Amino acid sequence: MPPREGTYGILAEFDTPGDLVRAARQARHDGWRRLDCYTPYPVEEVAEAIDFHRNKVPLLTLIGGMMGCAAMFSLETWVSTLAFPLNIGGRPTYSWPAFIIPAYEWTILWAGLSAAFGMLALNGLPSLYHPLFNAPNFRNGATDDKFFLCLEATDPKFDVAETKAYMQTLEPVSVVEVEY
């Protein structure tokens, strides 16, 4: 996918996680909805500050596990009753207790695979390009010792000049415009 033209957002750099949390809370309180924070290590207060509570991986895992169980149970039922019915020792062809162990194994397999692939898909991976890598201060400090708040251009309140002025009121170390 070729990069789009224009501005991705405004990026503010902070020295401490406390400053980032304060700025994120203020931005969320002031009506910004399309914002994201970037830290070199997990900061739980930031997720609460930007109201980030949308984790769909457990639901995908549950659905994947249920599909795996249903798929294997259906396969075993079809094989033993329709495709290759065998009368061994007068036992019934549909003996569901024998199907439990393979169905359980497929439940675990499909749940694990759906969790892994669901996580990758929901994170937008693999992604070989992100506009934030164009910001020089992000490239040099995001994984080391800097904390960043990005107000994205997709937010309805976004205007380049007004957003830069707003970011300056949050007292960051620096504010840069991020281009696509």
N, C-alpha and C. Protein backbone atom coordinates (compact mmCIF):
# COMPACT_ATOMS: atom_id res chain seq x y z
N MET A 1 0.84 -1.17 0.00
CA MET A 1 0.00 0.00 0.00
C MET A 1 0.89 1.23 0.00
N PRO A 2 0.74 2.13 -0.96
CA PRO A 2 1.56 3.33 -0.98
C PRO A 2 1.14 4.29 0.13
N PRO A 3 2.08 5.04 0.67
CA PRO A 3 1.72 5.97 1.73
C PRO A 3 0.80 7.07 1.23
N ARG A 4 -0.12 7.49 2.10
CA ARG A 4 -1.05 8.55 1.74
C ARG A 4 -0.38 9.90 1.90
N GLU A 5 -0.94 10.88 1.23
CA GLU A 5 -0.42 12.24 1.32
C GLU A 5 -1.06 12.95 2.50
N GLY A 6 -0.33 13.87 3.09
CA GLY A 6 -0.90 14.71 4.14
C GLY A 6 -0.31 14.44 5.51
N THR A 7 -1.04 14.88 6.51
CA THR A 7 -0.58 14.80 7.88
C THR A 7 -1.20 13.61 8.59
N TYR A 8 -0.38 12.85 9.29
CA TYR A 8 -0.87 11.74 10.10
C TYR A 8 -1.35 12.25 11.45
N GLY A 9 -0.63 13.20 12.03
CA GLY A 9 -1.02 13.73 13.33
C GLY A 9 0.04 14.65 13.89
N ILE A 10 -0.17 15.06 15.13
CA ILE A 10 0.78 15.90 15.85
C ILE A 10 1.32 15.06 17.01
N LEU A 11 2.64 15.02 17.14
CA LEU A 11 3.31 14.17 18.12
C LEU A 11 4.01 15.05 19.16
N ALA A 12 3.70 14.80 20.44
CA ALA A 12 4.34 15.52 21.54
C ALA A 12 5.22 14.56 22.32
N GLU A 13 6.39 15.03 22.70
CA GLU A 13 7.35 14.22 23.43
C GLU A 13 7.40 14.67 24.89
N PHE A 14 7.44 13.69 25.80
CA PHE A 14 7.51 13.97 27.23
C PHE A 14 8.67 13.20 27.83
N ASP A 15 9.21 13.73 28.94
CA ASP A 15 10.36 13.09 29.59
C ASP A 15 9.98 12.01 30.59
N THR A 16 8.83 12.14 31.23
CA THR A 16 8.45 11.19 32.27
C THR A 16 7.08 10.59 31.98
N PRO A 17 6.82 9.40 32.50
CA PRO A 17 5.51 8.81 32.29
C PRO A 17 4.40 9.60 32.99
N GLY A 18 4.72 10.24 34.10
CA GLY A 18 3.74 11.06 34.79
C GLY A 18 3.26 12.22 33.94
N ASP A 19 4.20 12.87 33.24
CA ASP A 19 3.83 13.96 32.34
C ASP A 19 2.94 13.45 31.20
N LEU A 20 3.28 12.29 30.67
CA LEU A 20 2.48 11.70 29.59
C LEU A 20 1.07 11.38 30.07
N VAL A 21 0.94 10.79 31.24
CA VAL A 21 -0.38 10.44 31.78
C VAL A 21 -1.20 11.70 32.00
N ARG A 22 -0.58 12.73 32.57
CA ARG A 22 -1.29 13.99 32.80
C ARG A 22 -1.77 14.58 31.48
N ALA A 23 -0.90 14.59 30.46
CA ALA A 23 -1.26 15.15 29.16
C ALA A 23 -2.34 14.32 28.47
N ALA A 24 -2.25 13.00 28.57
CA ALA A 24 -3.26 12.12 27.95
C ALA A 24 -4.62 12.31 28.61
N ARG A 25 -4.63 12.41 29.94
CA ARG A 25 -5.90 12.65 30.64
C ARG A 25 -6.51 13.98 30.22
N GLN A 26 -5.66 15.00 30.11
CA GLN A 26 -6.15 16.32 29.74
C GLN A 26 -6.71 16.30 28.31
N ALA A 27 -6.00 15.65 27.39
CA ALA A 27 -6.46 15.58 26.00
C ALA A 27 -7.78 14.82 25.91
N ARG A 28 -7.90 13.74 26.62
CA ARG A 28 -9.15 12.97 26.60
C ARG A 28 -10.29 13.78 27.22
N HIS A 29 -9.98 14.49 28.29
CA HIS A 29 -10.99 15.33 28.95
C HIS A 29 -11.44 16.47 28.04
N ASP A 30 -10.53 16.97 27.20
CA ASP A 30 -10.84 18.08 26.31
C ASP A 30 -11.53 17.64 25.02
N GLY A 31 -11.84 16.37 24.89
CA GLY A 31 -12.65 15.91 23.77
C GLY A 31 -11.91 15.21 22.66
N TRP A 32 -10.63 14.97 22.78
CA TRP A 32 -9.89 14.25 21.75
C TRP A 32 -10.20 12.77 21.88
N ARG A 33 -10.55 12.13 20.78
CA ARG A 33 -10.90 10.71 20.79
C ARG A 33 -9.92 9.86 19.99
N ARG A 34 -9.28 10.42 19.00
CA ARG A 34 -8.30 9.68 18.18
C ARG A 34 -6.91 10.08 18.64
N LEU A 35 -6.45 9.43 19.71
CA LEU A 35 -5.13 9.69 20.25
C LEU A 35 -4.48 8.39 20.66
N ASP A 36 -3.17 8.39 20.71
CA ASP A 36 -2.45 7.20 21.11
C ASP A 36 -1.18 7.60 21.83
N CYS A 37 -0.73 6.73 22.73
CA CYS A 37 0.48 6.98 23.50
C CYS A 37 1.51 5.89 23.18
N TYR A 38 2.77 6.29 23.21
CA TYR A 38 3.86 5.36 22.91
C TYR A 38 4.89 5.48 24.01
N THR A 39 5.21 4.35 24.64
CA THR A 39 6.14 4.33 25.76
C THR A 39 7.16 3.20 25.55
N PRO A 40 8.35 3.31 26.16
CA PRO A 40 9.34 2.24 26.00
C PRO A 40 9.03 1.01 26.86
N TYR A 41 8.13 1.14 27.81
CA TYR A 41 7.71 0.02 28.65
C TYR A 41 6.24 0.24 29.02
N PRO A 42 5.54 -0.81 29.44
CA PRO A 42 4.11 -0.66 29.74
C PRO A 42 3.85 0.33 30.89
N VAL A 43 2.92 1.24 30.66
CA VAL A 43 2.49 2.18 31.69
C VAL A 43 0.96 2.04 31.77
N GLU A 44 0.49 1.35 32.81
CA GLU A 44 -0.93 1.03 32.91
C GLU A 44 -1.81 2.28 33.01
N GLU A 45 -1.31 3.32 33.64
CA GLU A 45 -2.11 4.54 33.81
C GLU A 45 -2.43 5.19 32.46
N VAL A 46 -1.57 5.00 31.48
CA VAL A 46 -1.80 5.59 30.16
C VAL A 46 -3.02 4.95 29.50
N ALA A 47 -3.14 3.64 29.60
CA ALA A 47 -4.30 2.95 29.01
C ALA A 47 -5.59 3.44 29.65
N GLU A 48 -5.57 3.66 30.95
CA GLU A 48 -6.75 4.19 31.62
C GLU A 48 -7.00 5.64 31.22
N ALA A 49 -5.93 6.41 31.04
CA ALA A 49 -6.08 7.83 30.72
C ALA A 49 -6.71 8.04 29.34
N ILE A 50 -6.37 7.19 28.38
CA ILE A 50 -6.93 7.37 27.03
C ILE A 50 -8.15 6.48 26.81
N ASP A 51 -8.60 5.82 27.88
CA ASP A 51 -9.80 4.98 27.84
C ASP A 51 -9.65 3.87 26.80
N PHE A 52 -8.57 3.12 26.91
CA PHE A 52 -8.27 2.02 26.00
C PHE A 52 -8.70 0.71 26.65
N HIS A 53 -9.89 0.24 26.31
CA HIS A 53 -10.40 -0.99 26.91
C HIS A 53 -11.03 -1.90 25.86
N ARG A 54 -10.48 -1.99 24.70
CA ARG A 54 -11.10 -2.81 23.67
C ARG A 54 -10.18 -3.97 23.29
N ASN A 55 -10.35 -5.05 23.99
CA ASN A 55 -9.55 -6.23 23.74
C ASN A 55 -10.48 -7.32 23.23
N LYS A 56 -10.37 -7.64 21.95
CA LYS A 56 -11.26 -8.63 21.34
C LYS A 56 -10.62 -10.00 21.21
N VAL A 57 -9.38 -10.16 21.64
CA VAL A 57 -8.69 -11.44 21.50
C VAL A 57 -9.37 -12.54 22.32
N PRO A 58 -9.80 -12.30 23.57
CA PRO A 58 -10.47 -13.39 24.29
C PRO A 58 -11.73 -13.89 23.57
N LEU A 59 -12.50 -12.99 22.99
CA LEU A 59 -13.69 -13.42 22.26
C LEU A 59 -13.32 -14.24 21.03
N LEU A 60 -12.28 -13.80 20.30
CA LEU A 60 -11.83 -14.58 19.14
C LEU A 60 -11.33 -15.95 19.56
N THR A 61 -10.66 -16.03 20.70
CA THR A 61 -10.17 -17.31 21.19
C THR A 61 -11.33 -18.24 21.54
N LEU A 62 -12.34 -17.70 22.20
CA LEU A 62 -13.52 -18.51 22.55
C LEU A 62 -14.22 -19.01 21.29
N ILE A 63 -14.43 -18.14 20.34
CA ILE A 63 -15.09 -18.55 19.09
C ILE A 63 -14.26 -19.59 18.36
N GLY A 64 -12.95 -19.38 18.29
CA GLY A 64 -12.07 -20.35 17.63
C GLY A 64 -12.11 -21.71 18.32
N GLY A 65 -12.09 -21.72 19.65
CA GLY A 65 -12.16 -22.98 20.38
C GLY A 65 -13.47 -23.71 20.16
N MET A 66 -14.56 -22.96 20.16
CA MET A 66 -15.87 -23.58 19.93
C MET A 66 -15.97 -24.13 18.51
N MET A 67 -15.42 -23.40 17.56
CA MET A 67 -15.43 -23.89 16.17
C MET A 67 -14.58 -25.14 16.04
N GLY A 68 -13.44 -25.21 16.72
CA GLY A 68 -12.60 -26.39 16.67
C GLY A 68 -13.28 -27.61 17.25
N CYS A 69 -13.94 -27.40 18.39
CA CYS A 69 -14.67 -28.51 19.02
C CYS A 69 -15.80 -29.00 18.11
N ALA A 70 -16.56 -28.07 17.57
CA ALA A 70 -17.67 -28.45 16.69
C ALA A 70 -17.17 -29.11 15.42
N ALA A 71 -16.07 -28.62 14.87
CA ALA A 71 -15.53 -29.19 13.64
C ALA A 71 -15.09 -30.64 13.85
N MET A 72 -14.36 -30.90 14.94
CA MET A 72 -13.88 -32.26 15.16
C MET A 72 -15.02 -33.20 15.54
N PHE A 73 -15.94 -32.72 16.35
CA PHE A 73 -17.08 -33.57 16.72
C PHE A 73 -17.90 -33.91 15.47
N SER A 74 -18.09 -32.93 14.60
CA SER A 74 -18.82 -33.18 13.35
C SER A 74 -18.06 -34.14 12.45
N LEU A 75 -16.76 -33.97 12.35
CA LEU A 75 -15.95 -34.85 11.52
C LEU A 75 -16.02 -36.29 12.03
N GLU A 76 -15.87 -36.47 13.32
CA GLU A 76 -15.92 -37.82 13.88
C GLU A 76 -17.31 -38.45 13.73
N THR A 77 -18.33 -37.65 13.90
CA THR A 77 -19.70 -38.16 13.73
C THR A 77 -19.93 -38.58 12.29
N TRP A 78 -19.51 -37.75 11.35
CA TRP A 78 -19.68 -38.08 9.94
C TRP A 78 -18.91 -39.35 9.57
N VAL A 79 -17.65 -39.43 10.01
CA VAL A 79 -16.83 -40.59 9.66
C VAL A 79 -17.42 -41.87 10.23
N SER A 80 -17.82 -41.85 11.49
CA SER A 80 -18.25 -43.10 12.13
C SER A 80 -19.70 -43.49 11.81
N THR A 81 -20.52 -42.54 11.37
CA THR A 81 -21.92 -42.91 11.09
C THR A 81 -22.25 -42.96 9.60
N LEU A 82 -21.64 -42.10 8.79
CA LEU A 82 -22.00 -42.02 7.37
C LEU A 82 -20.91 -42.53 6.43
N ALA A 83 -19.71 -42.10 6.61
CA ALA A 83 -18.66 -42.42 5.65
C ALA A 83 -18.16 -43.85 5.79
N PHE A 84 -17.80 -44.26 7.01
CA PHE A 84 -17.25 -45.59 7.23
C PHE A 84 -17.87 -46.23 8.47
N PRO A 85 -19.15 -46.52 8.45
CA PRO A 85 -19.75 -47.14 9.64
C PRO A 85 -19.26 -48.58 9.81
N LEU A 86 -18.70 -48.86 10.98
CA LEU A 86 -18.20 -50.20 11.29
C LEU A 86 -18.93 -50.74 12.51
N ASN A 87 -19.44 -51.95 12.39
CA ASN A 87 -20.09 -52.60 13.51
C ASN A 87 -19.05 -53.52 14.14
N ILE A 88 -18.46 -53.02 15.23
CA ILE A 88 -17.41 -53.79 15.90
C ILE A 88 -17.94 -54.27 17.25
N GLY A 89 -18.11 -55.55 17.37
CA GLY A 89 -18.56 -56.13 18.63
C GLY A 89 -19.97 -55.72 19.02
N GLY A 90 -20.80 -55.32 18.07
CA GLY A 90 -22.17 -54.96 18.36
C GLY A 90 -22.33 -53.57 18.98
N ARG A 91 -21.24 -52.79 19.00
CA ARG A 91 -21.33 -51.44 19.56
C ARG A 91 -22.01 -50.50 18.57
N PRO A 92 -22.61 -49.44 19.05
CA PRO A 92 -23.26 -48.49 18.14
C PRO A 92 -22.22 -47.72 17.32
N THR A 93 -22.61 -47.33 16.12
CA THR A 93 -21.67 -46.56 15.30
C THR A 93 -21.46 -45.16 15.84
N TYR A 94 -22.47 -44.61 16.48
CA TYR A 94 -22.32 -43.28 17.08
C TYR A 94 -22.04 -43.45 18.56
N SER A 95 -20.77 -43.46 18.93
CA SER A 95 -20.35 -43.61 20.32
C SER A 95 -19.65 -42.32 20.73
N TRP A 96 -20.43 -41.33 21.15
CA TRP A 96 -19.90 -39.99 21.39
C TRP A 96 -18.84 -39.90 22.49
N PRO A 97 -18.81 -40.77 23.51
CA PRO A 97 -17.73 -40.63 24.50
C PRO A 97 -16.34 -40.81 23.88
N ALA A 98 -16.25 -41.56 22.82
CA ALA A 98 -14.96 -41.74 22.17
C ALA A 98 -14.52 -40.48 21.41
N PHE A 99 -15.44 -39.58 21.16
CA PHE A 99 -15.14 -38.37 20.38
C PHE A 99 -14.62 -37.22 21.25
N ILE A 100 -14.70 -37.36 22.55
CA ILE A 100 -14.39 -36.24 23.44
C ILE A 100 -12.91 -35.85 23.39
N ILE A 101 -12.00 -36.79 23.44
CA ILE A 101 -10.57 -36.47 23.50
C ILE A 101 -10.10 -35.77 22.22
N PRO A 102 -10.38 -36.30 21.02
CA PRO A 102 -9.96 -35.56 19.82
C PRO A 102 -10.65 -34.19 19.69
N ALA A 103 -11.92 -34.09 20.10
CA ALA A 103 -12.61 -32.80 20.04
C ALA A 103 -11.95 -31.81 20.99
N TYR A 104 -11.54 -32.26 22.16
CA TYR A 104 -10.85 -31.40 23.10
C TYR A 104 -9.51 -30.92 22.52
N GLU A 105 -8.80 -31.81 21.88
CA GLU A 105 -7.51 -31.44 21.27
C GLU A 105 -7.71 -30.38 20.19
N TRP A 106 -8.73 -30.55 19.37
CA TRP A 106 -8.98 -29.55 18.33
C TRP A 106 -9.47 -28.23 18.93
N THR A 107 -10.16 -28.30 20.05
CA THR A 107 -10.57 -27.07 20.73
C THR A 107 -9.34 -26.27 21.12
N ILE A 108 -8.37 -26.92 21.72
CA ILE A 108 -7.14 -26.25 22.15
C ILE A 108 -6.37 -25.72 20.93
N LEU A 109 -6.25 -26.53 19.89
CA LEU A 109 -5.53 -26.12 18.69
C LEU A 109 -6.17 -24.90 18.04
N TRP A 110 -7.46 -24.95 17.80
CA TRP A 110 -8.14 -23.83 17.12
C TRP A 110 -8.17 -22.59 18.00
N ALA A 111 -8.31 -22.75 19.31
CA ALA A 111 -8.30 -21.59 20.21
C ALA A 111 -6.93 -20.91 20.17
N GLY A 112 -5.87 -21.70 20.21
CA GLY A 112 -4.52 -21.12 20.15
C GLY A 112 -4.24 -20.43 18.83
N LEU A 113 -4.61 -21.08 17.74
CA LEU A 113 -4.38 -20.47 16.43
C LEU A 113 -5.22 -19.21 16.23
N SER A 114 -6.47 -19.25 16.66
CA SER A 114 -7.31 -18.05 16.49
C SER A 114 -6.82 -16.93 17.39
N ALA A 115 -6.28 -17.23 18.57
CA ALA A 115 -5.71 -16.19 19.43
C ALA A 115 -4.49 -15.56 18.77
N ALA A 116 -3.61 -16.39 18.23
CA ALA A 116 -2.39 -15.86 17.60
C ALA A 116 -2.71 -15.05 16.35
N PHE A 117 -3.48 -15.62 15.44
CA PHE A 117 -3.78 -14.89 14.21
C PHE A 117 -4.72 -13.73 14.44
N GLY A 118 -5.64 -13.85 15.40
CA GLY A 118 -6.52 -12.74 15.74
C GLY A 118 -5.74 -11.57 16.32
N MET A 119 -4.76 -11.85 17.18
CA MET A 119 -3.93 -10.80 17.74
C MET A 119 -3.14 -10.09 16.64
N LEU A 120 -2.58 -10.84 15.74
CA LEU A 120 -1.83 -10.23 14.64
C LEU A 120 -2.74 -9.37 13.77
N ALA A 121 -3.93 -9.86 13.45
CA ALA A 121 -4.84 -9.11 12.61
C ALA A 121 -5.35 -7.85 13.30
N LEU A 122 -5.70 -7.95 14.58
CA LEU A 122 -6.20 -6.79 15.30
C LEU A 122 -5.13 -5.73 15.53
N ASN A 123 -3.87 -6.15 15.58
CA ASN A 123 -2.77 -5.19 15.72
C ASN A 123 -2.32 -4.62 14.39
N GLY A 124 -2.91 -5.09 13.30
CA GLY A 124 -2.54 -4.59 11.98
C GLY A 124 -1.18 -5.09 11.53
N LEU A 125 -0.81 -6.26 11.99
CA LEU A 125 0.50 -6.80 11.64
C LEU A 125 0.34 -7.84 10.55
N PRO A 126 1.30 -8.09 9.74
CA PRO A 126 2.58 -7.40 9.70
C PRO A 126 2.44 -6.04 9.01
N SER A 127 3.06 -5.06 9.60
CA SER A 127 3.04 -3.71 9.06
C SER A 127 4.47 -3.26 8.86
N LEU A 128 4.84 -3.04 7.62
CA LEU A 128 6.22 -2.67 7.32
C LEU A 128 6.44 -1.17 7.37
N TYR A 129 5.36 -0.39 7.53
CA TYR A 129 5.49 1.07 7.52
C TYR A 129 4.49 1.68 8.48
N HIS A 130 4.95 2.65 9.24
CA HIS A 130 4.07 3.46 10.07
C HIS A 130 4.55 4.90 9.99
N PRO A 131 3.65 5.85 9.82
CA PRO A 131 4.06 7.25 9.65
C PRO A 131 4.87 7.81 10.81
N LEU A 132 4.70 7.29 12.01
CA LEU A 132 5.45 7.83 13.15
C LEU A 132 6.96 7.63 13.01
N PHE A 133 7.37 6.68 12.20
CA PHE A 133 8.80 6.48 12.01
C PHE A 133 9.44 7.62 11.21
N ASN A 134 8.60 8.49 10.63
CA ASN A 134 9.12 9.66 9.93
C ASN A 134 9.55 10.76 10.90
N ALA A 135 9.07 10.73 12.14
CA ALA A 135 9.44 11.75 13.12
C ALA A 135 10.80 11.41 13.72
N PRO A 136 11.79 12.31 13.60
CA PRO A 136 13.13 11.98 14.08
C PRO A 136 13.20 11.76 15.59
N ASN A 137 12.45 12.51 16.36
CA ASN A 137 12.51 12.30 17.82
C ASN A 137 11.86 10.98 18.23
N PHE A 138 10.88 10.51 17.48
CA PHE A 138 10.25 9.23 17.77
C PHE A 138 11.22 8.09 17.46
N ARG A 139 11.88 8.18 16.34
CA ARG A 139 12.80 7.13 15.92
C ARG A 139 13.94 6.96 16.92
N ASN A 140 14.38 8.06 17.52
CA ASN A 140 15.54 8.00 18.41
C ASN A 140 15.20 7.77 19.88
N GLY A 141 13.94 7.94 20.28
CA GLY A 141 13.67 7.83 21.70
C GLY A 141 12.51 6.96 22.11
N ALA A 142 11.73 6.47 21.18
CA ALA A 142 10.52 5.73 21.54
C ALA A 142 10.81 4.42 22.26
N THR A 143 11.91 3.79 21.96
CA THR A 143 12.22 2.52 22.60
C THR A 143 13.25 2.66 23.71
N ASP A 144 13.71 3.88 23.97
CA ASP A 144 14.75 4.07 24.98
C ASP A 144 14.21 4.73 26.24
N ASP A 145 13.90 6.03 26.16
CA ASP A 145 13.59 6.76 27.38
C ASP A 145 12.61 7.91 27.20
N LYS A 146 11.90 7.96 26.09
CA LYS A 146 10.96 9.05 25.84
C LYS A 146 9.53 8.52 25.80
N PHE A 147 8.59 9.42 26.04
CA PHE A 147 7.17 9.09 26.09
C PHE A 147 6.45 10.04 25.14
N PHE A 148 5.56 9.48 24.32
CA PHE A 148 4.95 10.25 23.24
C PHE A 148 3.42 10.19 23.29
N LEU A 149 2.81 11.32 22.96
CA LEU A 149 1.37 11.42 22.79
C LEU A 149 1.12 11.91 21.37
N CYS A 150 0.31 11.18 20.62
CA CYS A 150 0.00 11.55 19.24
C CYS A 150 -1.49 11.81 19.11
N LEU A 151 -1.84 13.00 18.67
CA LEU A 151 -3.22 13.32 18.32
C LEU A 151 -3.35 13.14 16.82
N GLU A 152 -4.18 12.21 16.40
CA GLU A 152 -4.24 11.81 14.99
C GLU A 152 -5.14 12.74 14.18
N ALA A 153 -4.83 12.86 12.90
CA ALA A 153 -5.56 13.75 12.01
C ALA A 153 -6.96 13.26 11.71
N THR A 154 -7.26 12.03 12.03
CA THR A 154 -8.61 11.51 11.79
C THR A 154 -9.61 11.96 12.84
N ASP A 155 -9.15 12.61 13.89
CA ASP A 155 -10.04 13.14 14.92
C ASP A 155 -10.83 14.32 14.36
N PRO A 156 -12.12 14.42 14.67
CA PRO A 156 -12.92 15.53 14.14
C PRO A 156 -12.44 16.91 14.60
N LYS A 157 -11.77 16.99 15.74
CA LYS A 157 -11.29 18.28 16.26
C LYS A 157 -9.98 18.72 15.62
N PHE A 158 -9.38 17.88 14.79
CA PHE A 158 -8.02 18.14 14.32
C PHE A 158 -7.95 19.29 13.33
N ASP A 159 -7.05 20.20 13.60
CA ASP A 159 -6.62 21.26 12.71
C ASP A 159 -5.15 21.46 13.02
N VAL A 160 -4.29 21.48 12.01
CA VAL A 160 -2.85 21.44 12.25
C VAL A 160 -2.40 22.57 13.18
N ALA A 161 -2.76 23.79 12.88
CA ALA A 161 -2.30 24.93 13.69
C ALA A 161 -2.90 24.89 15.10
N GLU A 162 -4.20 24.65 15.18
CA GLU A 162 -4.84 24.63 16.49
C GLU A 162 -4.35 23.46 17.35
N THR A 163 -4.11 22.32 16.72
CA THR A 163 -3.64 21.16 17.46
C THR A 163 -2.22 21.38 17.97
N LYS A 164 -1.36 21.99 17.15
CA LYS A 164 -0.01 22.30 17.63
C LYS A 164 -0.06 23.25 18.82
N ALA A 165 -0.91 24.27 18.73
CA ALA A 165 -1.04 25.22 19.84
C ALA A 165 -1.58 24.51 21.08
N TYR A 166 -2.54 23.60 20.89
CA TYR A 166 -3.08 22.85 22.02
C TYR A 166 -2.00 21.99 22.66
N MET A 167 -1.21 21.32 21.84
CA MET A 167 -0.16 20.45 22.37
C MET A 167 0.87 21.25 23.18
N GLN A 168 1.14 22.47 22.77
CA GLN A 168 2.08 23.30 23.51
C GLN A 168 1.57 23.60 24.92
N THR A 169 0.24 23.68 25.10
CA THR A 169 -0.31 23.94 26.43
C THR A 169 -0.11 22.77 27.38
N LEU A 170 0.18 21.58 26.86
CA LEU A 170 0.41 20.40 27.69
C LEU A 170 1.85 20.32 28.21
N GLU A 171 2.68 21.31 27.85
CA GLU A 171 4.07 21.44 28.30
C GLU A 171 4.94 20.24 27.92
N PRO A 172 5.00 19.91 26.65
CA PRO A 172 5.88 18.81 26.23
C PRO A 172 7.30 19.30 26.01
N VAL A 173 8.21 18.38 25.80
CA VAL A 173 9.60 18.72 25.45
C VAL A 173 9.63 19.25 24.02
N SER A 174 8.90 18.58 23.13
CA SER A 174 8.85 19.04 21.73
C SER A 174 7.53 18.62 21.11
N VAL A 175 7.15 19.33 20.05
CA VAL A 175 5.94 19.03 19.29
C VAL A 175 6.32 19.02 17.82
N VAL A 176 5.97 17.94 17.12
CA VAL A 176 6.28 17.85 15.70
C VAL A 176 5.05 17.39 14.93
N GLU A 177 4.98 17.82 13.69
CA GLU A 177 3.94 17.36 12.79
C GLU A 177 4.44 16.11 12.08
N VAL A 178 3.61 15.08 12.07
CA VAL A 178 4.00 13.81 11.45
C VAL A 178 3.31 13.71 10.10
N GLU A 179 4.11 13.58 9.05
CA GLU A 179 3.61 13.44 7.70
C GLU A 179 3.51 11.96 7.34
N TYR A 180 2.63 11.65 6.40
CA TYR A 180 2.54 10.28 5.89
C TYR A 180 3.76 9.96 5.09
